[in-house]
Amino acid sequence: MIFVTVGTFRFDNLIRKIDSLVEEKKINEEVICQISSGIYIPQNCQHFRLIPSITDYIKRASLVISHGGSGSLFGILKMGKRLIGVANPDLADNHQIQLLEKLSNEGFLLFCKDFDQLYEYIISKDPLRPYHNDNRELIKSLKEFIEDRKNKLKIE
């Protein structure tokens, strides 16, 4: 099963793309989408808006496709799931892009920057590094990233 999560914000472009891949029969396994407040309602896969916990869906999934929110990403990575991250361009700044690039460069997830390439990421067999809480280099790097973001926000 493939699980798609958009967090608490609408991300209709991602849900629409997944739905079209199922409709085109490029994805032949079960797909469940968490669509939050989305306007687009998928016609070809199961969906729900928000529930108290998506942990059971993540545990069942062979692949998770997620927006770039840090809480979602780290929760999924800690569960050891294969992960494709997609930044939501409707958010105010590019913090999701920066975080996804960092995690992708470290080899923990696949960062899909273009919806036209999403299917290629879904079928990809590229190996990913397992995420462990003791990844000191990553933690140091992320702390620097967060500190840099705080400083930029103070200036802007």
C-alpha atoms as a PDB file:
ATOM      1  CA  MET A   1       0.000   0.000   0.000  1.00  0.00           C
ATOM      2  CA  ILE A   2       1.121   3.536  -0.771  1.00  0.00           C
ATOM      3  CA  PHE A   3       0.182   6.176   1.770  1.00  0.00           C
ATOM      4  CA  VAL A   4       0.110   9.866   0.828  1.00  0.00           C
ATOM      5  CA  THR A   5      -0.003  12.576   3.482  1.00  0.00           C
ATOM      6  CA  VAL A   6      -0.330  16.317   3.018  1.00  0.00           C
ATOM      7  CA  GLY A   7      -0.270  17.279   6.704  1.00  0.00           C
ATOM      8  CA  THR A   8      -2.682  19.955   7.861  1.00  0.00           C
ATOM      9  CA  PHE A   9      -2.560  22.112   4.733  1.00  0.00           C
ATOM     10  CA  ARG A  10      -4.237  21.580   1.396  1.00  0.00           C
ATOM     11  CA  PHE A  11      -1.972  20.138  -1.308  1.00  0.00           C
ATOM     12  CA  ASP A  12      -4.379  19.454  -4.182  1.00  0.00           C
ATOM     13  CA  ASN A  13      -1.671  19.228  -6.860  1.00  0.00           C
ATOM     14  CA  LEU A  14      -0.061  16.250  -5.140  1.00  0.00           C
ATOM     15  CA  ILE A  15      -3.373  14.457  -4.578  1.00  0.00           C
ATOM     16  CA  ARG A  16      -4.472  15.162  -8.167  1.00  0.00           C
ATOM     17  CA  LYS A  17      -1.195  13.721  -9.526  1.00  0.00           C
ATOM     18  CA  ILE A  18      -1.454  10.563  -7.412  1.00  0.00           C
ATOM     19  CA  ASP A  19      -5.086  10.106  -8.442  1.00  0.00           C
ATOM     20  CA  SER A  20      -4.168  10.425 -12.122  1.00  0.00           C
ATOM     21  CA  LEU A  21      -1.360   7.858 -11.777  1.00  0.00           C
ATOM     22  CA  VAL A  22      -3.872   5.399 -10.300  1.00  0.00           C
ATOM     23  CA  GLU A  23      -6.413   6.214 -13.025  1.00  0.00           C
ATOM     24  CA  GLU A  24      -3.746   5.638 -15.722  1.00  0.00           C
ATOM     25  CA  LYS A  25      -2.982   2.291 -14.027  1.00  0.00           C
ATOM     26  CA  LYS A  26       0.646   3.264 -13.513  1.00  0.00           C
ATOM     27  CA  ILE A  27       0.072   2.560  -9.822  1.00  0.00           C
ATOM     28  CA  ASN A  28      -1.583  -0.813  -9.375  1.00  0.00           C
ATOM     29  CA  GLU A  29      -1.455  -1.172  -5.617  1.00  0.00           C
ATOM     30  CA  GLU A  30      -3.779   0.250  -3.006  1.00  0.00           C
ATOM     31  CA  VAL A  31      -3.333   3.990  -2.409  1.00  0.00           C
ATOM     32  CA  ILE A  32      -4.704   5.838   0.604  1.00  0.00           C
ATOM     33  CA  CYS A  33      -4.492   9.644   0.715  1.00  0.00           C
ATOM     34  CA  GLN A  34      -4.804  11.960   3.690  1.00  0.00           C
ATOM     35  CA  ILE A  35      -6.152  15.098   1.964  1.00  0.00           C
ATOM     36  CA  SER A  36      -6.688  17.507   4.890  1.00  0.00           C
ATOM     37  CA  SER A  37      -8.751  20.520   3.745  1.00  0.00           C
ATOM     38  CA  GLY A  38      -8.170  19.799   0.070  1.00  0.00           C
ATOM     39  CA  ILE A  39     -10.707  20.850  -2.507  1.00  0.00           C
ATOM     40  CA  TYR A  40      -9.763  18.087  -4.939  1.00  0.00           C
ATOM     41  CA  ILE A  41     -11.374  14.767  -3.996  1.00  0.00           C
ATOM     42  CA  PRO A  42      -9.588  11.723  -5.438  1.00  0.00           C
ATOM     43  CA  GLN A  43     -11.756   9.471  -7.598  1.00  0.00           C
ATOM     44  CA  ASN A  44      -9.404   6.507  -7.912  1.00  0.00           C
ATOM     45  CA  CYS A  45      -8.016   5.948  -4.422  1.00  0.00           C
ATOM     46  CA  GLN A  46      -9.210   5.876  -0.851  1.00  0.00           C
ATOM     47  CA  HIS A  47      -8.973   9.095   1.098  1.00  0.00           C
ATOM     48  CA  PHE A  48      -9.750  10.836   4.363  1.00  0.00           C
ATOM     49  CA  ARG A  49      -9.228  14.358   5.629  1.00  0.00           C
ATOM     50  CA  LEU A  50      -7.735  14.423   9.139  1.00  0.00           C
ATOM     51  CA  ILE A  51      -7.659  11.845  11.903  1.00  0.00           C
ATOM     52  CA  PRO A  52      -5.978  11.901  15.323  1.00  0.00           C
ATOM     53  CA  SER A  53      -3.106   9.656  14.177  1.00  0.00           C
ATOM     54  CA  ILE A  54      -1.860   8.401  10.817  1.00  0.00           C
ATOM     55  CA  THR A  55       0.682   6.052  12.410  1.00  0.00           C
ATOM     56  CA  ASP A  56      -1.208   2.870  11.478  1.00  0.00           C
ATOM     57  CA  TYR A  57      -1.338   3.928   7.821  1.00  0.00           C
ATOM     58  CA  ILE A  58       2.384   4.659   7.801  1.00  0.00           C
ATOM     59  CA  LYS A  59       3.151   1.299   9.420  1.00  0.00           C
ATOM     60  CA  ARG A  60       1.121  -0.544   6.765  1.00  0.00           C
ATOM     61  CA  ALA A  61       2.645   1.332   3.830  1.00  0.00           C
ATOM     62  CA  SER A  62       5.418   0.007   1.629  1.00  0.00           C
ATOM     63  CA  LEU A  63       5.986   3.594   0.453  1.00  0.00           C
ATOM     64  CA  VAL A  64       4.998   6.955   1.912  1.00  0.00           C
ATOM     65  CA  ILE A  65       4.692  10.129  -0.145  1.00  0.00           C
ATOM     66  CA  SER A  66       4.674  13.186   2.091  1.00  0.00           C
ATOM     67  CA  HIS A  67       4.635  16.941   2.037  1.00  0.00           C
ATOM     68  CA  GLY A  68       7.843  18.502   3.364  1.00  0.00           C
ATOM     69  CA  GLY A  69       6.756  19.280   6.907  1.00  0.00           C
ATOM     70  CA  SER A  70       9.447  18.385   9.433  1.00  0.00           C
ATOM     71  CA  GLY A  71       7.100  16.616  11.849  1.00  0.00           C
ATOM     72  CA  SER A  72       5.771  14.330   9.146  1.00  0.00           C
ATOM     73  CA  LEU A  73       9.159  13.663   7.566  1.00  0.00           C
ATOM     74  CA  PHE A  74      10.968  12.748  10.762  1.00  0.00           C
ATOM     75  CA  GLY A  75       8.055  10.664  12.037  1.00  0.00           C
ATOM     76  CA  ILE A  76       8.030   8.654   8.803  1.00  0.00           C
ATOM     77  CA  LEU A  77      11.824   8.296   8.715  1.00  0.00           C
ATOM     78  CA  LYS A  78      11.905   7.082  12.328  1.00  0.00           C
ATOM     79  CA  MET A  79       9.460   4.329  11.320  1.00  0.00           C
ATOM     80  CA  GLY A  80      11.944   3.158   8.686  1.00  0.00           C
ATOM     81  CA  LYS A  81       9.655   3.727   5.721  1.00  0.00           C
ATOM     82  CA  ARG A  82      10.713   4.382   2.155  1.00  0.00           C
ATOM     83  CA  LEU A  83       9.868   8.032   1.636  1.00  0.00           C
ATOM     84  CA  ILE A  84       9.297  10.430  -1.227  1.00  0.00           C
ATOM     85  CA  GLY A  85       9.106  14.061  -0.134  1.00  0.00           C
ATOM     86  CA  VAL A  86       7.308  16.755  -2.127  1.00  0.00           C
ATOM     87  CA  ALA A  87       7.402  20.441  -1.179  1.00  0.00           C
ATOM     88  CA  ASN A  88       4.084  22.247  -1.054  1.00  0.00           C
ATOM     89  CA  PRO A  89       4.583  25.408  -3.153  1.00  0.00           C
ATOM     90  CA  ASP A  90       1.465  27.042  -1.683  1.00  0.00           C
ATOM     91  CA  LEU A  91       3.219  27.712   1.615  1.00  0.00           C
ATOM     92  CA  ALA A  92       4.678  31.133   2.386  1.00  0.00           C
ATOM     93  CA  ASP A  93       8.377  30.333   2.039  1.00  0.00           C
ATOM     94  CA  ASN A  94      10.694  27.605   0.815  1.00  0.00           C
ATOM     95  CA  HIS A  95      11.513  25.963   4.161  1.00  0.00           C
ATOM     96  CA  GLN A  96      10.122  22.619   2.944  1.00  0.00           C
ATOM     97  CA  ILE A  97      12.383  22.713  -0.108  1.00  0.00           C
ATOM     98  CA  GLN A  98      15.445  23.404   2.018  1.00  0.00           C
ATOM     99  CA  LEU A  99      14.659  20.595   4.462  1.00  0.00           C
ATOM    100  CA  LEU A 100      13.833  18.114   1.699  1.00  0.00           C
ATOM    101  CA  GLU A 101      17.046  18.971  -0.147  1.00  0.00           C
ATOM    102  CA  LYS A 102      19.051  18.426   3.022  1.00  0.00           C
ATOM    103  CA  LEU A 103      17.443  15.060   3.802  1.00  0.00           C
ATOM    104  CA  SER A 104      17.733  13.999   0.166  1.00  0.00           C
ATOM    105  CA  ASN A 105      21.409  14.987  -0.017  1.00  0.00           C
ATOM    106  CA  GLU A 106      21.993  12.903   3.113  1.00  0.00           C
ATOM    107  CA  GLY A 107      20.346   9.939   1.342  1.00  0.00           C
ATOM    108  CA  PHE A 108      17.362   9.511   3.692  1.00  0.00           C
ATOM    109  CA  LEU A 109      14.575  10.192   1.192  1.00  0.00           C
ATOM    110  CA  LEU A 110      13.831  10.900  -2.440  1.00  0.00           C
ATOM    111  CA  PHE A 111      12.968  14.558  -3.096  1.00  0.00           C
ATOM    112  CA  CYS A 112      10.543  14.925  -5.988  1.00  0.00           C
ATOM    113  CA  LYS A 113      10.841  18.485  -7.297  1.00  0.00           C
ATOM    114  CA  ASP A 114       8.659  17.987 -10.369  1.00  0.00           C
ATOM    115  CA  PHE A 115       5.250  16.265 -10.407  1.00  0.00           C
ATOM    116  CA  ASP A 116       6.009  14.947 -13.908  1.00  0.00           C
ATOM    117  CA  GLN A 117       8.773  12.821 -12.367  1.00  0.00           C
ATOM    118  CA  LEU A 118       6.749  11.477  -9.432  1.00  0.00           C
ATOM    119  CA  TYR A 119       6.068   8.131 -11.081  1.00  0.00           C
ATOM    120  CA  GLU A 120       9.807   7.628 -11.670  1.00  0.00           C
ATOM    121  CA  TYR A 121      10.406   8.152  -7.953  1.00  0.00           C
ATOM    122  CA  ILE A 122       7.595   5.749  -7.059  1.00  0.00           C
ATOM    123  CA  ILE A 123       9.115   2.921  -9.097  1.00  0.00           C
ATOM    124  CA  SER A 124      12.693   3.828  -8.166  1.00  0.00           C
ATOM    125  CA  LYS A 125      14.771   1.193  -6.432  1.00  0.00           C
ATOM    126  CA  ASP A 126      17.499   3.660  -5.427  1.00  0.00           C
ATOM    127  CA  PRO A 127      18.801   2.657  -2.000  1.00  0.00           C
ATOM    128  CA  LEU A 128      18.142   5.012   0.884  1.00  0.00           C
ATOM    129  CA  ARG A 129      20.039   5.343   4.147  1.00  0.00           C
ATOM    130  CA  PRO A 130      18.186   4.252   7.260  1.00  0.00           C
ATOM    131  CA  TYR A 131      17.433   7.124   9.593  1.00  0.00           C
ATOM    132  CA  HIS A 132      18.533   6.727  13.206  1.00  0.00           C
ATOM    133  CA  ASN A 133      18.135   9.194  16.042  1.00  0.00           C
ATOM    134  CA  ASP A 134      21.886   9.009  16.562  1.00  0.00           C
ATOM    135  CA  ASN A 135      22.777  10.539  13.193  1.00  0.00           C
ATOM    136  CA  ARG A 136      24.890  13.210  14.839  1.00  0.00           C
ATOM    137  CA  GLU A 137      26.101  14.779  11.610  1.00  0.00           C
ATOM    138  CA  LEU A 138      22.544  15.216  10.358  1.00  0.00           C
ATOM    139  CA  ILE A 139      21.334  16.560  13.690  1.00  0.00           C
ATOM    140  CA  LYS A 140      24.197  19.080  13.774  1.00  0.00           C
ATOM    141  CA  SER A 141      23.457  20.091  10.205  1.00  0.00           C
ATOM    142  CA  LEU A 142      19.741  20.469  10.885  1.00  0.00           C
ATOM    143  CA  LYS A 143      20.397  22.575  13.975  1.00  0.00           C
ATOM    144  CA  GLU A 144      22.523  24.869  11.830  1.00  0.00           C
ATOM    145  CA  PHE A 145      19.730  24.960   9.246  1.00  0.00           C
ATOM    146  CA  ILE A 146      17.140  25.887  11.905  1.00  0.00           C
ATOM    147  CA  GLU A 147      19.411  28.548  13.400  1.00  0.00           C
ATOM    148  CA  ASP A 148      19.982  30.003   9.937  1.00  0.00           C
ATOM    149  CA  ARG A 149      16.206  30.071   9.330  1.00  0.00           C
ATOM    150  CA  LYS A 150      15.644  31.873  12.639  1.00  0.00           C
ATOM    151  CA  ASN A 151      18.255  34.474  11.741  1.00  0.00           C
ATOM    152  CA  LYS A 152      16.738  35.039   8.304  1.00  0.00           C
ATOM    153  CA  LEU A 153      13.266  35.436   9.782  1.00  0.00           C
ATOM    154  CA  LYS A 154      14.547  38.083  12.204  1.00  0.00           C
ATOM    155  CA  ILE A 155      16.053  40.028   9.303  1.00  0.00           C
ATOM    156  CA  GLU A 156      13.015  39.786   7.021  1.00  0.00           C
END
